[in-house]
Amino acid sequence: MRIAVNLATRPYIELRPVYSRLRLWMLILALFGGALWFLLHSEQSQAREATARVEAVHSHVQHLEQQEQSYQALMRQPQNASILTQANFLNDLFRHKAFSWTATMTDLETVLPAGVQVQSIEPIVAPNGHVTIRMRVSGGRDRAVDLVRNLEKSKHFASPRLAAESMTAAQGIQNAVQNISANSDVSFDILADYRPLPITGDEDADQKDQTAPQDAPAQTEKKSGLSLTPAPAPAGPSGSRPANRPGTAARRHP
């Protein structure tokens, strides 16, 4: 009889499942690291391209600034001083002409709530041509809030905001001790950006007006249902009339 004698000092442990799991985790980590490396490489390449574009834009801007400085120096020369003065005058005139009082007042009539009185309107023209409207109104606080809300929906007033607030002279003395209610008259300074509407041409309307008279006779013939044909020729010496050619007889369409 054979007897198996175990002379090991430690218990036997099966390591194959452990090694297989370790290999699986190593493969997963390798794939994850490769994806991260590829993402990092693509981000670095995009960052380099963006940096190159920014540098190109900066160089172009510097070139334009140098050109502007050279042109300004050329215009400041004594022989070109009169042209520079005229150009500045025309630019200021164009900037002020960009603001339309008629359109502004027409738009303001549609958004001004009852109980609010407009005291002054002052257009502020920036050097770059941007127009800011400073408007002083008086009325109750609730009406002023309604006015700001209406200006947000208007055509020519953009981004309205309250700039300042002050009590009127009569209300200031009357409400010196009392609390200020929502219906008390207060003067407000409202700032809003002027938004001019684009000018649309009437070329389509002109074309329709030009083509309408030409199409009128044809439409009249179609409506009447008659085809215009020449009158038959008079009888000949023999008393016989020539035969009508096909399509020449007057007929009425059903």
Foldseek 3Di string as FASTA:
>chain_A
DDDDDDPDPDDDDDCPVVVVVVVVVVVVVVVVVVVVVVVVVVVVVVVVVVVVVVVVVVVVVVVVVVVVVVVVVVCPDPVNVVVVVVVVVVLVVVLVVVDDPVVVVVQLVVQQDPFKAWDDWDWDADPVSWIKIKTKIKWFQVSVVSSQVSLCVTDFWHDKDWDDKAADPVVCVVCVPPDDDRGHIIIIIMMTTTDDDDDDDPPVVVVCVVCVVVCVVVVVCVVQQWDDADDFDAADPVRDGDDDDPPRDIDGDD
